């Protein structure tokens, strides 16, 4: 039979002071890791959504000027934006809060030979209060990387921009045999 009384008496415990001091530091690192992972997830989602938007606009847009001004602008671009916003997480309250999403913009530029599709998502700053209480000039001391981090954490948040290009809408013609 195992003597439990002797097992607990000879075992040494962790100092409470160390745990009390290290736990907030652990929480700070955990918050940073979660926010960086959220930005990476948002970047990947924006890349996938940009490919979807470019391909869909390429396949469903019109080559005639009458339809490209009317149907493409009124319906197609708005429908693509609605579906991209839904995919990225703007319509889901939990995802919107996790990624700190603020606003989204889809721009379709049809000038030139290629269609340029630009997706722009802005996030809110995480506003970790005990880090943002200090003056950024004193904290960063003119270090540009530190200033960018401070601006992300306390002032502006992030801005993720994805640019995709779609070729002209050249639907394949039906196959015609040479002898007909």
C-alpha atoms as a PDB file:
ATOM      1  CA  UNK A   1       0.000   0.000   0.000  1.00  0.00           C
ATOM      2  CA  UNK A   2       1.269   3.437  -0.918  1.00  0.00           C
ATOM      3  CA  UNK A   3       1.747   5.852   1.929  1.00  0.00           C
ATOM      4  CA  UNK A   4       0.127   9.074   0.646  1.00  0.00           C
ATOM      5  CA  UNK A   5       0.911  11.100   3.738  1.00  0.00           C
ATOM      6  CA  UNK A   6       4.650  10.748   3.224  1.00  0.00           C
ATOM      7  CA  UNK A   7       4.323  11.501  -0.532  1.00  0.00           C
ATOM      8  CA  UNK A   8       2.705  14.900   0.046  1.00  0.00           C
ATOM      9  CA  UNK A   9       4.976  15.903   2.925  1.00  0.00           C
ATOM     10  CA  UNK A  10       8.261  15.346   1.055  1.00  0.00           C
ATOM     11  CA  UNK A  11       7.138  17.095  -2.118  1.00  0.00           C
ATOM     12  CA  UNK A  12       8.289  20.683  -2.587  1.00  0.00           C
ATOM     13  CA  UNK A  13       5.856  23.244  -4.059  1.00  0.00           C
ATOM     14  CA  UNK A  14       6.158  26.187  -6.412  1.00  0.00           C
ATOM     15  CA  UNK A  15       6.646  29.568  -4.844  1.00  0.00           C
ATOM     16  CA  UNK A  16       3.470  31.611  -5.001  1.00  0.00           C
ATOM     17  CA  UNK A  17       5.353  34.855  -5.615  1.00  0.00           C
ATOM     18  CA  UNK A  18       6.879  33.534  -8.843  1.00  0.00           C
ATOM     19  CA  UNK A  19       3.495  32.472 -10.134  1.00  0.00           C
ATOM     20  CA  UNK A  20       1.905  35.808  -9.267  1.00  0.00           C
ATOM     21  CA  UNK A  21       4.670  37.712 -11.066  1.00  0.00           C
ATOM     22  CA  UNK A  22       4.933  35.484 -14.135  1.00  0.00           C
ATOM     23  CA  UNK A  23       1.236  34.956 -14.851  1.00  0.00           C
ATOM     24  CA  UNK A  24       0.584  38.516 -16.180  1.00  0.00           C
ATOM     25  CA  UNK A  25       3.648  38.239 -18.427  1.00  0.00           C
ATOM     26  CA  UNK A  26       2.302  34.951 -19.770  1.00  0.00           C
ATOM     27  CA  UNK A  27      -1.086  36.582 -20.438  1.00  0.00           C
ATOM     28  CA  UNK A  28       0.575  39.480 -22.322  1.00  0.00           C
ATOM     29  CA  UNK A  29       2.472  37.065 -24.575  1.00  0.00           C
ATOM     30  CA  UNK A  30      -0.686  35.046 -25.120  1.00  0.00           C
ATOM     31  CA  UNK A  31      -2.597  38.165 -26.221  1.00  0.00           C
ATOM     32  CA  UNK A  32       0.169  39.114 -28.674  1.00  0.00           C
ATOM     33  CA  UNK A  33       0.268  35.605 -30.143  1.00  0.00           C
ATOM     34  CA  UNK A  34      -3.511  35.534 -30.572  1.00  0.00           C
ATOM     35  CA  UNK A  35      -3.560  38.935 -32.325  1.00  0.00           C
ATOM     36  CA  UNK A  36      -0.690  37.988 -34.659  1.00  0.00           C
ATOM     37  CA  UNK A  37      -2.366  34.676 -35.477  1.00  0.00           C
ATOM     38  CA  UNK A  38      -5.581  36.589 -36.192  1.00  0.00           C
ATOM     39  CA  UNK A  39      -3.763  38.853 -38.649  1.00  0.00           C
ATOM     40  CA  UNK A  40      -2.229  35.826 -40.377  1.00  0.00           C
ATOM     41  CA  UNK A  41      -5.669  34.216 -40.674  1.00  0.00           C
ATOM     42  CA  UNK A  42      -7.087  37.458 -42.051  1.00  0.00           C
ATOM     43  CA  UNK A  43      -4.270  37.755 -44.586  1.00  0.00           C
ATOM     44  CA  UNK A  44      -4.850  34.198 -45.849  1.00  0.00           C
ATOM     45  CA  UNK A  45      -8.600  34.753 -46.061  1.00  0.00           C
ATOM     46  CA  UNK A  46      -8.048  37.978 -48.012  1.00  0.00           C
ATOM     47  CA  UNK A  47      -5.756  36.190 -50.499  1.00  0.00           C
ATOM     48  CA  UNK A  48      -8.350  33.482 -51.113  1.00  0.00           C
ATOM     49  CA  UNK A  49     -11.158  36.036 -51.359  1.00  0.00           C
ATOM     50  CA  UNK A  50      -9.123  38.107 -53.830  1.00  0.00           C
ATOM     51  CA  UNK A  51      -8.625  35.092 -56.076  1.00  0.00           C
ATOM     52  CA  UNK A  52     -12.349  34.337 -55.895  1.00  0.00           C
ATOM     53  CA  UNK A  53     -13.314  37.935 -56.702  1.00  0.00           C
ATOM     54  CA  UNK A  54     -10.924  38.182 -59.659  1.00  0.00           C
ATOM     55  CA  UNK A  55     -11.960  34.862 -61.147  1.00  0.00           C
ATOM     56  CA  UNK A  56     -15.675  35.501 -60.706  1.00  0.00           C
ATOM     57  CA  UNK A  57     -15.453  38.971 -62.218  1.00  0.00           C
ATOM     58  CA  UNK A  58     -13.447  37.563 -65.107  1.00  0.00           C
ATOM     59  CA  UNK A  59     -15.992  34.845 -65.859  1.00  0.00           C
ATOM     60  CA  UNK A  60     -19.235  36.767 -65.265  1.00  0.00           C
ATOM     61  CA  UNK A  61     -18.462  40.276 -66.459  1.00  0.00           C
ATOM     62  CA  UNK A  62     -19.534  41.559 -69.843  1.00  0.00           C
ATOM     63  CA  UNK A  63     -17.430  42.822 -72.696  1.00  0.00           C
ATOM     64  CA  UNK A  64     -20.022  45.227 -74.063  1.00  0.00           C
ATOM     65  CA  UNK A  65     -19.968  48.741 -72.651  1.00  0.00           C
ATOM     66  CA  UNK A  66     -23.717  48.858 -72.022  1.00  0.00           C
ATOM     67  CA  UNK A  67     -23.740  45.798 -69.746  1.00  0.00           C
ATOM     68  CA  UNK A  68     -20.371  46.489 -68.152  1.00  0.00           C
ATOM     69  CA  UNK A  69     -21.576  49.849 -66.843  1.00  0.00           C
ATOM     70  CA  UNK A  70     -25.002  48.669 -65.812  1.00  0.00           C
ATOM     71  CA  UNK A  71     -25.178  45.058 -64.688  1.00  0.00           C
ATOM     72  CA  UNK A  72     -21.532  44.614 -63.750  1.00  0.00           C
ATOM     73  CA  UNK A  73     -21.414  47.702 -61.527  1.00  0.00           C
ATOM     74  CA  UNK A  74     -24.909  47.479 -60.050  1.00  0.00           C
ATOM     75  CA  UNK A  75     -25.180  43.777 -59.412  1.00  0.00           C
ATOM     76  CA  UNK A  76     -21.999  41.787 -60.003  1.00  0.00           C
ATOM     77  CA  UNK A  77     -19.534  43.917 -58.007  1.00  0.00           C
ATOM     78  CA  UNK A  78     -21.989  44.326 -55.115  1.00  0.00           C
ATOM     79  CA  UNK A  79     -22.698  40.591 -55.032  1.00  0.00           C
ATOM     80  CA  UNK A  80     -18.983  39.762 -55.088  1.00  0.00           C
ATOM     81  CA  UNK A  81     -18.373  42.249 -52.255  1.00  0.00           C
ATOM     82  CA  UNK A  82     -21.210  40.781 -50.203  1.00  0.00           C
ATOM     83  CA  UNK A  83     -19.891  37.236 -50.612  1.00  0.00           C
ATOM     84  CA  UNK A  84     -16.290  38.264 -49.882  1.00  0.00           C
ATOM     85  CA  UNK A  85     -17.368  40.143 -46.737  1.00  0.00           C
ATOM     86  CA  UNK A  86     -19.270  37.070 -45.605  1.00  0.00           C
ATOM     87  CA  UNK A  87     -16.254  34.814 -46.243  1.00  0.00           C
ATOM     88  CA  UNK A  88     -13.773  37.088 -44.493  1.00  0.00           C
ATOM     89  CA  UNK A  89     -16.029  37.344 -41.432  1.00  0.00           C
ATOM     90  CA  UNK A  90     -17.690  40.742 -41.497  1.00  0.00           C
ATOM     91  CA  UNK A  91     -21.167  39.219 -41.093  1.00  0.00           C
ATOM     92  CA  UNK A  92     -20.178  36.939 -38.193  1.00  0.00           C
ATOM     93  CA  UNK A  93     -20.027  38.775 -34.856  1.00  0.00           C
ATOM     94  CA  UNK A  94     -17.549  36.330 -33.293  1.00  0.00           C
ATOM     95  CA  UNK A  95     -15.164  36.401 -36.235  1.00  0.00           C
ATOM     96  CA  UNK A  96     -15.488  40.173 -36.516  1.00  0.00           C
ATOM     97  CA  UNK A  97     -14.501  40.550 -32.861  1.00  0.00           C
ATOM     98  CA  UNK A  98     -11.678  37.970 -33.028  1.00  0.00           C
ATOM     99  CA  UNK A  99     -10.093  39.591 -36.088  1.00  0.00           C
ATOM    100  CA  UNK A 100     -10.936  43.142 -34.854  1.00  0.00           C
ATOM    101  CA  UNK A 101     -12.467  43.979 -38.237  1.00  0.00           C
ATOM    102  CA  UNK A 102     -13.442  47.589 -38.861  1.00  0.00           C
ATOM    103  CA  UNK A 103     -14.365  48.025 -42.540  1.00  0.00           C
ATOM    104  CA  UNK A 104     -13.908  46.515 -45.982  1.00  0.00           C
ATOM    105  CA  UNK A 105     -13.631  47.945 -49.488  1.00  0.00           C
ATOM    106  CA  UNK A 106     -13.668  46.254 -52.897  1.00  0.00           C
ATOM    107  CA  UNK A 107     -12.507  48.246 -55.907  1.00  0.00           C
ATOM    108  CA  UNK A 108     -12.699  47.014 -59.496  1.00  0.00           C
ATOM    109  CA  UNK A 109     -10.664  48.957 -62.054  1.00  0.00           C
ATOM    110  CA  UNK A 110     -11.440  47.975 -65.649  1.00  0.00           C
ATOM    111  CA  UNK A 111      -9.063  50.467 -67.287  1.00  0.00           C
ATOM    112  CA  UNK A 112      -6.489  48.887 -69.542  1.00  0.00           C
ATOM    113  CA  UNK A 113      -6.112  45.311 -70.711  1.00  0.00           C
ATOM    114  CA  UNK A 114      -6.282  43.669 -67.304  1.00  0.00           C
ATOM    115  CA  UNK A 115      -8.942  44.136 -64.652  1.00  0.00           C
ATOM    116  CA  UNK A 116      -7.371  45.192 -61.347  1.00  0.00           C
ATOM    117  CA  UNK A 117      -9.299  44.067 -58.264  1.00  0.00           C
ATOM    118  CA  UNK A 118      -8.251  45.578 -54.944  1.00  0.00           C
ATOM    119  CA  UNK A 119      -9.501  44.303 -51.598  1.00  0.00           C
ATOM    120  CA  UNK A 120      -8.794  46.439 -48.542  1.00  0.00           C
ATOM    121  CA  UNK A 121      -9.628  45.386 -44.984  1.00  0.00           C
ATOM    122  CA  UNK A 122      -8.950  47.569 -41.964  1.00  0.00           C
ATOM    123  CA  UNK A 123      -8.770  46.326 -38.404  1.00  0.00           C
ATOM    124  CA  UNK A 124      -9.263  48.125 -35.125  1.00  0.00           C
ATOM    125  CA  UNK A 125      -6.279  48.517 -32.812  1.00  0.00           C
ATOM    126  CA  UNK A 126      -6.212  45.936 -30.006  1.00  0.00           C
ATOM    127  CA  UNK A 127      -5.846  48.766 -27.448  1.00  0.00           C
ATOM    128  CA  UNK A 128      -4.028  46.916 -24.702  1.00  0.00           C
ATOM    129  CA  UNK A 129      -4.524  49.677 -22.143  1.00  0.00           C
ATOM    130  CA  UNK A 130      -1.472  49.270 -19.941  1.00  0.00           C
ATOM    131  CA  UNK A 131       0.777  49.425 -23.036  1.00  0.00           C
ATOM    132  CA  UNK A 132      -0.994  52.406 -24.590  1.00  0.00           C
ATOM    133  CA  UNK A 133      -0.859  54.626 -21.486  1.00  0.00           C
ATOM    134  CA  UNK A 134       2.703  55.702 -22.253  1.00  0.00           C
ATOM    135  CA  UNK A 135       3.884  58.331 -24.710  1.00  0.00           C
ATOM    136  CA  UNK A 136       5.052  56.697 -27.948  1.00  0.00           C
ATOM    137  CA  UNK A 137       8.019  59.066 -28.342  1.00  0.00           C
ATOM    138  CA  UNK A 138       9.413  58.016 -24.966  1.00  0.00           C
ATOM    139  CA  UNK A 139       8.713  54.320 -25.515  1.00  0.00           C
ATOM    140  CA  UNK A 140      10.013  54.024 -29.063  1.00  0.00           C
ATOM    141  CA  UNK A 141      12.807  56.636 -29.098  1.00  0.00           C
ATOM    142  CA  UNK A 142      12.542  57.154 -32.900  1.00  0.00           C
ATOM    143  CA  UNK A 143      12.771  53.456 -33.778  1.00  0.00           C
ATOM    144  CA  UNK A 144      10.593  53.003 -36.880  1.00  0.00           C
ATOM    145  CA  UNK A 145       9.704  49.368 -36.156  1.00  0.00           C
ATOM    146  CA  UNK A 146       8.676  50.257 -32.621  1.00  0.00           C
ATOM    147  CA  UNK A 147       6.566  53.145 -33.937  1.00  0.00           C
ATOM    148  CA  UNK A 148       4.819  50.825 -36.412  1.00  0.00           C
ATOM    149  CA  UNK A 149       4.060  48.391 -33.598  1.00  0.00           C
ATOM    150  CA  UNK A 150       2.801  51.154 -31.343  1.00  0.00           C
ATOM    151  CA  UNK A 151       0.604  52.533 -34.128  1.00  0.00           C
ATOM    152  CA  UNK A 152      -0.866  49.060 -34.687  1.00  0.00           C
ATOM    153  CA  UNK A 153      -1.469  48.375 -31.000  1.00  0.00           C
ATOM    154  CA  UNK A 154      -2.750  51.749 -29.859  1.00  0.00           C
ATOM    155  CA  UNK A 155      -3.750  54.049 -32.715  1.00  0.00           C
ATOM    156  CA  UNK A 156      -4.592  52.734 -36.181  1.00  0.00           C
ATOM    157  CA  UNK A 157      -4.778  48.973 -36.254  1.00  0.00           C
ATOM    158  CA  UNK A 158      -3.770  47.115 -39.391  1.00  0.00           C
ATOM    159  CA  UNK A 159      -4.614  47.550 -43.037  1.00  0.00           C
ATOM    160  CA  UNK A 160      -4.422  44.524 -45.300  1.00  0.00           C
ATOM    161  CA  UNK A 161      -4.489  45.171 -49.030  1.00  0.00           C
ATOM    162  CA  UNK A 162      -4.713  42.470 -51.668  1.00  0.00           C
ATOM    163  CA  UNK A 163      -4.415  43.205 -55.387  1.00  0.00           C
ATOM    164  CA  UNK A 164      -5.390  40.621 -57.982  1.00  0.00           C
ATOM    165  CA  UNK A 165      -5.465  40.907 -61.742  1.00  0.00           C
ATOM    166  CA  UNK A 166      -7.975  39.225 -64.031  1.00  0.00           C
ATOM    167  CA  UNK A 167      -7.488  38.780 -67.727  1.00  0.00           C
ATOM    168  CA  UNK A 168     -10.017  39.787 -70.319  1.00  0.00           C
ATOM    169  CA  UNK A 169     -13.280  37.928 -70.450  1.00  0.00           C
ATOM    170  CA  UNK A 170     -12.675  35.678 -73.417  1.00  0.00           C
ATOM    171  CA  UNK A 171     -15.241  32.956 -73.348  1.00  0.00           C
ATOM    172  CA  UNK A 172     -14.283  30.024 -75.518  1.00  0.00           C
ATOM    173  CA  UNK A 173     -16.201  29.709 -78.748  1.00  0.00           C
ATOM    174  CA  UNK A 174     -17.984  26.456 -79.430  1.00  0.00           C
ATOM    175  CA  UNK A 175     -15.921  23.937 -81.320  1.00  0.00           C
ATOM    176  CA  UNK A 176     -16.590  23.952 -85.045  1.00  0.00           C
ATOM    177  CA  UNK A 177     -15.307  21.107 -87.180  1.00  0.00           C
ATOM    178  CA  UNK A 178     -13.250  22.224 -90.173  1.00  0.00           C
ATOM    179  CA  UNK A 179     -15.346  20.380 -92.768  1.00  0.00           C
ATOM    180  CA  UNK A 180     -18.650  22.033 -91.807  1.00  0.00           C
END
